[in-house]
């Protein structure tokens, strides 16, 4: 994978805002209209659209009043999927979650080699490393957008044990990603 294939932040953000406005306006009008549009978002997310995955994640993070319950697991899964596809806006949203993992790269004895082989500089390291970690998380967690979209929506708020499971997956993924990124392309 070339870790330089990105959806630029500005593009991802503007499309996200545009689609979020449509959904919020629909929610203001009626629950059923919101759900109809949200079903379209989930369908596109299930087909691999990283911006729609980011948008679905946004609504699953906190839910939508009177229409959609919070689902922390779906939120994280869709956000990771979007970031794995190089959506810079989604990668930025995961910065806090991945923060300590970035430190492991920067502190690594062969970080110079990793930077060289992956065209990393001070402006893109968050995106390149974030995308690489998320790609490994997708593999490690067996995330599949189509399968996620078929699961029933249920109220599933943040739970510390689930967050710990995700952090454990990051811990297991970082050495694998470092080894991959130390190799010449």
N, C-alpha and C. Protein backbone atom coordinates (compact mmCIF):
# COMPACT_ATOMS: atom_id res chain seq x y z
N UNK A 1 0.84 -1.19 0.00
CA UNK A 1 0.00 0.00 0.00
C UNK A 1 0.87 1.23 0.00
N UNK A 2 0.53 2.16 -0.83
CA UNK A 2 1.23 3.44 -0.84
C UNK A 2 0.52 4.35 0.15
N UNK A 3 1.20 4.73 1.20
CA UNK A 3 0.60 5.53 2.24
C UNK A 3 0.51 7.00 1.87
N UNK A 4 0.49 7.29 0.60
CA UNK A 4 0.35 8.68 0.16
C UNK A 4 -0.94 8.87 -0.64
N UNK A 5 -1.83 7.89 -0.63
CA UNK A 5 -3.12 8.00 -1.28
C UNK A 5 -4.12 8.48 -0.25
N UNK A 6 -4.44 9.75 -0.29
CA UNK A 6 -5.30 10.34 0.73
C UNK A 6 -6.46 11.09 0.11
N UNK A 7 -7.52 11.21 0.90
CA UNK A 7 -8.57 12.18 0.61
C UNK A 7 -8.15 13.40 1.42
N UNK A 8 -7.77 14.48 0.74
CA UNK A 8 -7.29 15.65 1.48
C UNK A 8 -8.29 16.12 2.52
N UNK A 9 -7.78 16.59 3.64
CA UNK A 9 -8.62 17.02 4.76
C UNK A 9 -9.70 17.99 4.31
N UNK A 10 -9.32 18.97 3.51
CA UNK A 10 -10.28 20.00 3.08
C UNK A 10 -11.44 19.37 2.30
N UNK A 11 -11.12 18.45 1.41
CA UNK A 11 -12.16 17.77 0.62
C UNK A 11 -13.04 16.90 1.51
N UNK A 12 -12.43 16.11 2.37
CA UNK A 12 -13.19 15.24 3.26
C UNK A 12 -14.08 16.03 4.20
N UNK A 13 -13.53 17.12 4.72
CA UNK A 13 -14.27 17.96 5.67
C UNK A 13 -15.45 18.65 4.98
N UNK A 14 -15.24 19.22 3.81
CA UNK A 14 -16.33 19.94 3.14
C UNK A 14 -17.45 18.99 2.73
N UNK A 15 -17.09 17.81 2.23
CA UNK A 15 -18.11 16.83 1.85
C UNK A 15 -18.86 16.33 3.10
N UNK A 16 -18.12 16.11 4.17
CA UNK A 16 -18.72 15.71 5.44
C UNK A 16 -19.74 16.75 5.90
N UNK A 17 -19.36 18.02 5.89
CA UNK A 17 -20.26 19.09 6.33
C UNK A 17 -21.50 19.18 5.46
N UNK A 18 -21.30 19.05 4.17
CA UNK A 18 -22.42 19.11 3.22
C UNK A 18 -23.44 17.99 3.51
N UNK A 19 -22.94 16.79 3.68
CA UNK A 19 -23.83 15.66 3.93
C UNK A 19 -24.44 15.72 5.33
N UNK A 20 -23.67 16.18 6.30
CA UNK A 20 -24.20 16.31 7.67
C UNK A 20 -25.34 17.31 7.72
N UNK A 21 -25.21 18.40 6.96
CA UNK A 21 -26.27 19.40 6.91
C UNK A 21 -27.56 18.80 6.36
N UNK A 22 -27.44 17.99 5.31
CA UNK A 22 -28.63 17.34 4.75
C UNK A 22 -29.32 16.47 5.80
N UNK A 23 -28.52 15.71 6.53
CA UNK A 23 -29.09 14.83 7.56
C UNK A 23 -29.69 15.63 8.71
N UNK A 24 -29.00 16.65 9.15
CA UNK A 24 -29.54 17.46 10.25
C UNK A 24 -30.82 18.17 9.84
N UNK A 25 -30.86 18.68 8.61
CA UNK A 25 -32.09 19.32 8.12
C UNK A 25 -33.22 18.31 8.05
N UNK A 26 -32.91 17.11 7.60
CA UNK A 26 -33.93 16.06 7.53
C UNK A 26 -34.43 15.71 8.94
N UNK A 27 -33.54 15.65 9.91
CA UNK A 27 -33.92 15.35 11.29
C UNK A 27 -34.84 16.43 11.83
N UNK A 28 -34.59 17.69 11.46
CA UNK A 28 -35.45 18.78 11.89
C UNK A 28 -36.87 18.62 11.33
N UNK A 29 -36.96 18.03 10.15
CA UNK A 29 -38.27 17.85 9.52
C UNK A 29 -39.00 16.63 10.07
N UNK A 30 -38.31 15.49 10.07
CA UNK A 30 -38.98 14.28 10.58
C UNK A 30 -37.97 13.16 10.82
N UNK A 31 -38.30 12.33 11.76
CA UNK A 31 -37.48 11.17 12.08
C UNK A 31 -37.37 10.24 10.87
N UNK A 32 -38.48 10.01 10.20
CA UNK A 32 -38.49 9.08 9.07
C UNK A 32 -37.64 9.59 7.92
N UNK A 33 -37.66 10.90 7.69
CA UNK A 33 -36.81 11.44 6.61
C UNK A 33 -35.33 11.29 6.96
N UNK A 34 -34.98 11.55 8.22
CA UNK A 34 -33.60 11.37 8.65
C UNK A 34 -33.19 9.91 8.45
N UNK A 35 -34.02 8.98 8.89
CA UNK A 35 -33.67 7.56 8.79
C UNK A 35 -33.54 7.11 7.34
N UNK A 36 -34.36 7.64 6.47
CA UNK A 36 -34.25 7.31 5.05
C UNK A 36 -32.91 7.77 4.50
N UNK A 37 -32.53 9.02 4.80
CA UNK A 37 -31.24 9.54 4.34
C UNK A 37 -30.08 8.82 5.02
N UNK A 38 -30.22 8.52 6.30
CA UNK A 38 -29.14 7.83 7.01
C UNK A 38 -28.94 6.43 6.45
N UNK A 39 -30.02 5.77 6.06
CA UNK A 39 -29.90 4.46 5.41
C UNK A 39 -29.07 4.56 4.13
N UNK A 40 -29.22 5.66 3.40
CA UNK A 40 -28.42 5.87 2.18
C UNK A 40 -26.95 6.06 2.54
N UNK A 41 -26.69 6.79 3.62
CA UNK A 41 -25.31 6.99 4.08
C UNK A 41 -24.70 5.64 4.44
N UNK A 42 -25.42 4.83 5.20
CA UNK A 42 -24.92 3.52 5.62
C UNK A 42 -24.70 2.62 4.40
N UNK A 43 -25.58 2.70 3.42
CA UNK A 43 -25.41 1.90 2.20
C UNK A 43 -24.11 2.28 1.50
N UNK A 44 -23.86 3.58 1.35
CA UNK A 44 -22.63 4.04 0.71
C UNK A 44 -21.41 3.67 1.56
N UNK A 45 -21.57 3.78 2.88
CA UNK A 45 -20.47 3.39 3.78
C UNK A 45 -20.17 1.90 3.62
N UNK A 46 -21.21 1.09 3.48
CA UNK A 46 -21.02 -0.35 3.33
C UNK A 46 -20.34 -0.70 2.02
N UNK A 47 -20.48 0.19 1.03
CA UNK A 47 -19.85 -0.01 -0.27
C UNK A 47 -18.42 0.52 -0.30
N UNK A 48 -17.97 1.08 0.84
CA UNK A 48 -16.58 1.50 0.96
C UNK A 48 -16.32 2.98 0.80
N UNK A 49 -17.34 3.82 0.78
CA UNK A 49 -17.14 5.26 0.64
C UNK A 49 -16.59 5.81 1.97
N UNK A 50 -15.33 6.27 2.00
CA UNK A 50 -14.72 6.68 3.26
C UNK A 50 -15.36 7.93 3.88
N UNK A 51 -15.90 8.81 3.07
CA UNK A 51 -16.55 10.00 3.64
C UNK A 51 -17.87 9.60 4.28
N UNK A 52 -18.59 8.69 3.66
CA UNK A 52 -19.84 8.21 4.25
C UNK A 52 -19.57 7.37 5.50
N UNK A 53 -18.45 6.66 5.52
CA UNK A 53 -18.08 5.93 6.73
C UNK A 53 -17.81 6.91 7.87
N UNK A 54 -17.13 8.00 7.56
CA UNK A 54 -16.84 9.04 8.56
C UNK A 54 -18.15 9.67 9.04
N UNK A 55 -19.07 9.91 8.13
CA UNK A 55 -20.35 10.51 8.50
C UNK A 55 -21.18 9.54 9.37
N UNK A 56 -21.21 8.28 8.99
CA UNK A 56 -21.91 7.29 9.81
C UNK A 56 -21.29 7.25 11.21
N UNK A 57 -19.97 7.27 11.26
CA UNK A 57 -19.27 7.27 12.55
C UNK A 57 -19.72 8.44 13.40
N UNK A 58 -19.82 9.60 12.79
CA UNK A 58 -20.23 10.82 13.51
C UNK A 58 -21.58 10.61 14.20
N UNK A 59 -22.54 10.07 13.48
CA UNK A 59 -23.87 9.90 14.06
C UNK A 59 -23.91 8.76 15.07
N UNK A 60 -23.13 7.72 14.86
CA UNK A 60 -23.10 6.65 15.84
C UNK A 60 -22.38 7.07 17.12
N UNK A 61 -21.49 8.03 17.03
CA UNK A 61 -20.74 8.47 18.22
C UNK A 61 -21.69 8.95 19.32
N UNK A 62 -22.67 9.76 18.96
CA UNK A 62 -23.57 10.33 19.97
C UNK A 62 -25.03 10.01 19.72
N UNK A 63 -25.33 9.42 18.58
CA UNK A 63 -26.71 9.18 18.22
C UNK A 63 -27.32 10.43 17.59
N UNK A 64 -28.57 10.32 17.24
CA UNK A 64 -29.32 11.46 16.68
C UNK A 64 -30.66 11.48 17.40
N UNK A 65 -30.95 12.59 18.02
CA UNK A 65 -32.14 12.72 18.85
C UNK A 65 -33.39 12.18 18.16
N UNK A 66 -34.07 11.30 18.87
CA UNK A 66 -35.34 10.70 18.43
C UNK A 66 -35.20 9.78 17.22
N UNK A 67 -33.99 9.54 16.73
CA UNK A 67 -33.87 8.76 15.49
C UNK A 67 -32.84 7.64 15.54
N UNK A 68 -31.73 7.86 16.23
CA UNK A 68 -30.64 6.89 16.18
C UNK A 68 -29.95 6.85 17.53
N UNK A 69 -29.77 5.66 18.05
CA UNK A 69 -29.07 5.50 19.33
C UNK A 69 -27.57 5.55 19.14
N UNK A 70 -26.90 5.97 20.19
CA UNK A 70 -25.44 5.93 20.22
C UNK A 70 -24.97 4.49 20.10
N UNK A 71 -23.93 4.27 19.32
CA UNK A 71 -23.34 2.94 19.18
C UNK A 71 -21.83 3.13 19.05
N UNK A 72 -21.16 3.09 20.18
CA UNK A 72 -19.72 3.37 20.23
C UNK A 72 -18.92 2.41 19.36
N UNK A 73 -19.31 1.15 19.36
CA UNK A 73 -18.59 0.15 18.57
C UNK A 73 -18.66 0.49 17.08
N UNK A 74 -19.87 0.79 16.57
CA UNK A 74 -20.00 1.16 15.16
C UNK A 74 -19.26 2.46 14.87
N UNK A 75 -19.32 3.38 15.80
CA UNK A 75 -18.60 4.65 15.64
C UNK A 75 -17.11 4.38 15.39
N UNK A 76 -16.49 3.63 16.26
CA UNK A 76 -15.06 3.38 16.13
C UNK A 76 -14.76 2.56 14.88
N UNK A 77 -15.57 1.57 14.59
CA UNK A 77 -15.31 0.73 13.41
C UNK A 77 -15.39 1.54 12.13
N UNK A 78 -16.44 2.35 11.99
CA UNK A 78 -16.55 3.16 10.77
C UNK A 78 -15.43 4.20 10.69
N UNK A 79 -15.04 4.79 11.81
CA UNK A 79 -13.97 5.79 11.78
C UNK A 79 -12.65 5.15 11.39
N UNK A 80 -12.37 3.98 11.92
CA UNK A 80 -11.14 3.26 11.57
C UNK A 80 -11.14 2.88 10.09
N UNK A 81 -12.27 2.40 9.60
CA UNK A 81 -12.38 2.05 8.17
C UNK A 81 -12.11 3.27 7.29
N UNK A 82 -12.71 4.39 7.64
CA UNK A 82 -12.52 5.61 6.86
C UNK A 82 -11.06 6.05 6.87
N UNK A 83 -10.45 6.02 8.04
CA UNK A 83 -9.04 6.42 8.17
C UNK A 83 -8.13 5.47 7.41
N UNK A 84 -8.45 4.19 7.41
CA UNK A 84 -7.63 3.20 6.70
C UNK A 84 -7.61 3.47 5.20
N UNK A 85 -8.64 4.14 4.71
CA UNK A 85 -8.70 4.48 3.29
C UNK A 85 -8.08 5.84 3.00
N UNK A 86 -7.49 6.45 4.00
CA UNK A 86 -6.77 7.68 3.77
C UNK A 86 -7.59 8.95 3.90
N UNK A 87 -8.74 8.89 4.57
CA UNK A 87 -9.53 10.10 4.79
C UNK A 87 -8.83 10.90 5.89
N UNK A 88 -8.15 11.95 5.50
CA UNK A 88 -7.37 12.74 6.45
C UNK A 88 -8.23 13.30 7.58
N UNK A 89 -9.46 13.69 7.29
CA UNK A 89 -10.35 14.21 8.32
C UNK A 89 -10.63 13.14 9.37
N UNK A 90 -10.87 11.92 8.94
CA UNK A 90 -11.10 10.81 9.88
C UNK A 90 -9.83 10.50 10.68
N UNK A 91 -8.69 10.53 10.01
CA UNK A 91 -7.42 10.28 10.70
C UNK A 91 -7.22 11.31 11.81
N UNK A 92 -7.52 12.56 11.51
CA UNK A 92 -7.39 13.60 12.54
C UNK A 92 -8.29 13.32 13.73
N UNK A 93 -9.48 12.83 13.48
CA UNK A 93 -10.41 12.54 14.58
C UNK A 93 -9.89 11.42 15.47
N UNK A 94 -9.05 10.56 14.93
CA UNK A 94 -8.51 9.44 15.71
C UNK A 94 -7.17 9.77 16.37
N UNK A 95 -6.71 11.00 16.22
CA UNK A 95 -5.40 11.37 16.76
C UNK A 95 -5.25 11.09 18.25
N UNK A 96 -6.25 11.42 19.03
CA UNK A 96 -6.16 11.17 20.47
C UNK A 96 -6.07 9.67 20.74
N UNK A 97 -6.89 8.90 20.06
CA UNK A 97 -6.91 7.45 20.21
C UNK A 97 -5.56 6.84 19.82
N UNK A 98 -4.94 7.37 18.77
CA UNK A 98 -3.69 6.81 18.26
C UNK A 98 -2.44 7.52 18.78
N UNK A 99 -2.61 8.57 19.56
CA UNK A 99 -1.50 9.42 19.97
C UNK A 99 -0.27 8.70 20.48
N UNK A 100 -0.46 7.79 21.42
CA UNK A 100 0.70 7.09 21.99
C UNK A 100 1.37 6.18 20.95
N UNK A 101 0.59 5.73 19.95
CA UNK A 101 1.17 4.89 18.90
C UNK A 101 2.12 5.71 18.03
N UNK A 102 1.73 6.96 17.76
CA UNK A 102 2.62 7.84 16.99
C UNK A 102 3.96 7.99 17.72
N UNK A 103 3.89 8.11 19.02
CA UNK A 103 5.12 8.25 19.81
C UNK A 103 6.04 7.05 19.64
N UNK A 104 5.46 5.86 19.52
CA UNK A 104 6.28 4.66 19.34
C UNK A 104 7.04 4.70 18.01
N UNK A 105 6.43 5.29 16.99
CA UNK A 105 7.12 5.44 15.70
C UNK A 105 8.25 6.45 15.82
N UNK A 106 7.93 7.61 16.35
CA UNK A 106 8.91 8.70 16.44
C UNK A 106 10.09 8.30 17.32
N UNK A 107 9.82 7.53 18.36
CA UNK A 107 10.88 7.11 19.28
C UNK A 107 11.64 5.88 18.80
N UNK A 108 11.17 5.27 17.73
CA UNK A 108 11.80 4.04 17.23
C UNK A 108 13.21 4.33 16.71
N UNK A 109 14.13 3.43 17.00
CA UNK A 109 15.53 3.61 16.58
C UNK A 109 15.68 3.76 15.07
N UNK A 110 14.77 3.17 14.31
CA UNK A 110 14.86 3.24 12.85
C UNK A 110 13.83 4.18 12.23
N UNK A 111 13.43 5.20 12.99
CA UNK A 111 12.44 6.14 12.47
C UNK A 111 12.96 6.87 11.23
N UNK A 112 14.25 7.13 11.17
CA UNK A 112 14.82 7.77 9.98
C UNK A 112 14.58 6.94 8.74
N UNK A 113 14.76 5.65 8.85
CA UNK A 113 14.52 4.73 7.73
C UNK A 113 13.03 4.71 7.38
N UNK A 114 12.19 4.65 8.40
CA UNK A 114 10.74 4.65 8.18
C UNK A 114 10.32 5.92 7.44
N UNK A 115 10.85 7.04 7.88
CA UNK A 115 10.52 8.32 7.21
C UNK A 115 10.97 8.30 5.76
N UNK A 116 12.16 7.84 5.52
CA UNK A 116 12.71 7.84 4.17
C UNK A 116 11.91 6.93 3.24
N UNK A 117 11.67 5.71 3.67
CA UNK A 117 10.98 4.73 2.81
C UNK A 117 9.51 5.07 2.57
N UNK A 118 8.92 5.89 3.42
CA UNK A 118 7.49 6.17 3.32
C UNK A 118 7.18 7.64 3.04
N UNK A 119 8.23 8.39 2.66
CA UNK A 119 8.06 9.81 2.32
C UNK A 119 7.36 10.59 3.43
N UNK A 120 7.77 10.34 4.65
CA UNK A 120 7.18 11.00 5.81
C UNK A 120 7.96 12.27 6.11
N UNK A 121 7.20 13.33 6.37
CA UNK A 121 7.82 14.58 6.83
C UNK A 121 6.97 15.14 7.97
N UNK A 122 7.36 16.29 8.47
CA UNK A 122 6.66 16.85 9.63
C UNK A 122 5.22 17.23 9.33
N UNK A 123 4.86 17.35 8.07
CA UNK A 123 3.51 17.76 7.69
C UNK A 123 2.57 16.60 7.44
N UNK A 124 3.09 15.44 7.14
CA UNK A 124 2.21 14.33 6.76
C UNK A 124 2.32 13.10 7.66
N UNK A 125 3.18 13.13 8.68
CA UNK A 125 3.40 11.91 9.45
C UNK A 125 2.13 11.43 10.15
N UNK A 126 1.29 12.34 10.61
CA UNK A 126 0.05 11.93 11.28
C UNK A 126 -0.82 11.13 10.32
N UNK A 127 -0.88 11.58 9.07
CA UNK A 127 -1.73 10.92 8.08
C UNK A 127 -1.14 9.58 7.64
N UNK A 128 0.14 9.57 7.33
CA UNK A 128 0.75 8.33 6.82
C UNK A 128 0.77 7.25 7.89
N UNK A 129 1.22 7.59 9.08
CA UNK A 129 1.27 6.60 10.15
C UNK A 129 -0.14 6.23 10.60
N UNK A 130 -1.03 7.22 10.71
CA UNK A 130 -2.41 6.94 11.11
C UNK A 130 -3.11 6.01 10.15
N UNK A 131 -2.94 6.26 8.85
CA UNK A 131 -3.55 5.38 7.86
C UNK A 131 -2.98 3.96 7.97
N UNK A 132 -1.68 3.86 8.11
CA UNK A 132 -1.04 2.53 8.19
C UNK A 132 -1.53 1.76 9.41
N UNK A 133 -1.64 2.43 10.55
CA UNK A 133 -2.13 1.75 11.76
C UNK A 133 -3.58 1.32 11.56
N UNK A 134 -4.38 2.20 10.99
CA UNK A 134 -5.80 1.86 10.79
C UNK A 134 -5.97 0.72 9.79
N UNK A 135 -5.13 0.68 8.76
CA UNK A 135 -5.18 -0.47 7.84
C UNK A 135 -4.92 -1.77 8.59
N UNK A 136 -3.94 -1.75 9.47
CA UNK A 136 -3.63 -2.95 10.25
C UNK A 136 -4.76 -3.27 11.22
N UNK A 137 -5.38 -2.24 11.79
CA UNK A 137 -6.52 -2.48 12.69
C UNK A 137 -7.69 -3.11 11.95
N UNK A 138 -7.93 -2.66 10.72
CA UNK A 138 -9.00 -3.25 9.92
C UNK A 138 -8.75 -4.75 9.78
N UNK A 139 -7.51 -5.10 9.48
CA UNK A 139 -7.16 -6.50 9.32
C UNK A 139 -7.26 -7.24 10.66
N UNK A 140 -6.67 -6.68 11.69
CA UNK A 140 -6.63 -7.32 13.01
C UNK A 140 -8.02 -7.54 13.58
N UNK A 141 -8.88 -6.53 13.43
CA UNK A 141 -10.23 -6.61 14.00
C UNK A 141 -11.22 -7.27 13.05
N UNK A 142 -10.77 -7.55 11.83
CA UNK A 142 -11.67 -8.17 10.84
C UNK A 142 -12.81 -7.26 10.45
N UNK A 143 -12.53 -5.96 10.35
CA UNK A 143 -13.60 -5.00 10.04
C UNK A 143 -14.00 -5.10 8.58
N UNK A 144 -15.29 -5.14 8.37
CA UNK A 144 -15.87 -5.20 7.04
C UNK A 144 -17.07 -4.27 7.02
N UNK A 145 -17.01 -3.23 6.20
CA UNK A 145 -18.07 -2.22 6.18
C UNK A 145 -19.42 -2.82 5.84
N UNK A 146 -19.46 -3.76 4.91
CA UNK A 146 -20.74 -4.37 4.54
C UNK A 146 -21.33 -5.14 5.72
N UNK A 147 -20.49 -5.86 6.45
CA UNK A 147 -20.98 -6.62 7.60
C UNK A 147 -21.44 -5.68 8.71
N UNK A 148 -20.71 -4.61 8.94
CA UNK A 148 -21.10 -3.66 9.99
C UNK A 148 -22.46 -3.06 9.67
N UNK A 149 -22.68 -2.72 8.40
CA UNK A 149 -23.94 -2.08 8.02
C UNK A 149 -25.13 -3.01 8.18
N UNK A 150 -24.89 -4.30 8.19
CA UNK A 150 -25.99 -5.26 8.32
C UNK A 150 -26.35 -5.55 9.77
N UNK A 151 -25.50 -5.13 10.70
CA UNK A 151 -25.82 -5.38 12.11
C UNK A 151 -26.90 -4.42 12.55
N UNK A 152 -27.75 -4.90 13.41
CA UNK A 152 -28.86 -4.11 13.90
C UNK A 152 -28.36 -2.95 14.75
N UNK A 153 -28.99 -1.81 14.60
CA UNK A 153 -28.64 -0.66 15.43
C UNK A 153 -29.20 -0.88 16.83
N UNK A 154 -28.32 -0.78 17.81
CA UNK A 154 -28.72 -0.91 19.21
C UNK A 154 -27.99 0.15 20.02
N UNK A 155 -28.54 0.48 21.16
CA UNK A 155 -27.88 1.40 22.07
C UNK A 155 -26.67 0.68 22.66
N UNK A 156 -25.49 1.15 22.32
CA UNK A 156 -24.25 0.53 22.79
C UNK A 156 -23.25 1.64 23.09
N UNK A 157 -23.38 2.28 24.26
CA UNK A 157 -22.52 3.42 24.58
C UNK A 157 -21.09 2.99 24.88
N UNK A 158 -20.24 3.97 25.04
CA UNK A 158 -18.84 3.74 25.39
C UNK A 158 -18.76 2.83 26.61
N UNK A 159 -17.87 1.85 26.53
CA UNK A 159 -17.60 0.97 27.66
C UNK A 159 -16.07 0.87 27.78
N UNK A 160 -15.55 1.08 28.97
CA UNK A 160 -14.10 1.03 29.14
C UNK A 160 -13.47 -0.26 28.63
N UNK A 161 -14.14 -1.38 28.83
CA UNK A 161 -13.55 -2.65 28.39
C UNK A 161 -13.44 -2.73 26.88
N UNK A 162 -14.39 -2.15 26.16
CA UNK A 162 -14.29 -2.15 24.70
C UNK A 162 -13.15 -1.24 24.25
N UNK A 163 -13.03 -0.09 24.90
CA UNK A 163 -11.93 0.83 24.58
C UNK A 163 -10.59 0.14 24.85
N UNK A 164 -10.49 -0.59 25.94
CA UNK A 164 -9.25 -1.33 26.25
C UNK A 164 -8.95 -2.36 25.17
N UNK A 165 -10.00 -3.02 24.67
CA UNK A 165 -9.80 -4.00 23.58
C UNK A 165 -9.24 -3.31 22.34
N UNK A 166 -9.75 -2.14 22.03
CA UNK A 166 -9.25 -1.39 20.87
C UNK A 166 -7.80 -0.97 21.09
N UNK A 167 -7.49 -0.49 22.29
CA UNK A 167 -6.12 -0.08 22.58
C UNK A 167 -5.18 -1.28 22.51
N UNK A 168 -5.63 -2.42 22.96
CA UNK A 168 -4.82 -3.64 22.87
C UNK A 168 -4.55 -3.98 21.40
N UNK A 169 -5.56 -3.81 20.55
CA UNK A 169 -5.39 -4.06 19.12
C UNK A 169 -4.37 -3.09 18.52
N UNK A 170 -4.39 -1.84 18.97
CA UNK A 170 -3.39 -0.87 18.52
C UNK A 170 -2.01 -1.32 18.97
N UNK A 171 -1.90 -1.70 20.23
CA UNK A 171 -0.61 -2.17 20.76
C UNK A 171 -0.05 -3.33 19.95
N UNK A 172 -0.91 -4.24 19.54
CA UNK A 172 -0.47 -5.39 18.75
C UNK A 172 -0.18 -5.01 17.30
N UNK A 173 -0.82 -3.97 16.82
CA UNK A 173 -0.65 -3.56 15.42
C UNK A 173 0.61 -2.73 15.18
N UNK A 174 0.99 -1.91 16.14
CA UNK A 174 2.12 -0.99 15.93
C UNK A 174 3.40 -1.71 15.52
N UNK A 175 3.84 -2.77 16.21
CA UNK A 175 5.09 -3.42 15.78
C UNK A 175 4.99 -4.00 14.36
N UNK A 176 3.82 -4.48 13.98
CA UNK A 176 3.63 -5.02 12.63
C UNK A 176 3.77 -3.91 11.60
N UNK A 177 3.16 -2.77 11.89
CA UNK A 177 3.22 -1.64 10.96
C UNK A 177 4.64 -1.09 10.89
N UNK A 178 5.33 -1.00 12.02
CA UNK A 178 6.71 -0.53 12.01
C UNK A 178 7.56 -1.44 11.14
N UNK A 179 7.40 -2.75 11.29
CA UNK A 179 8.19 -3.70 10.48
C UNK A 179 7.89 -3.51 8.98
N UNK A 180 6.64 -3.32 8.64
CA UNK A 180 6.28 -3.11 7.23
C UNK A 180 6.88 -1.82 6.70
N UNK A 181 6.82 -0.78 7.51
CA UNK A 181 7.25 0.54 7.05
C UNK A 181 8.78 0.67 7.04
N UNK A 182 9.50 -0.25 7.66
CA UNK A 182 10.97 -0.24 7.63
C UNK A 182 11.51 -0.82 6.34
N UNK A 183 10.63 -1.43 5.56
CA UNK A 183 11.06 -2.08 4.31
C UNK A 183 10.98 -1.12 3.13
N UNK A 184 11.95 -1.19 2.22
CA UNK A 184 11.88 -0.35 1.03
C UNK A 184 10.66 -0.73 0.19
N UNK A 185 10.10 0.25 -0.46
CA UNK A 185 8.92 0.01 -1.32
C UNK A 185 9.35 -0.42 -2.70
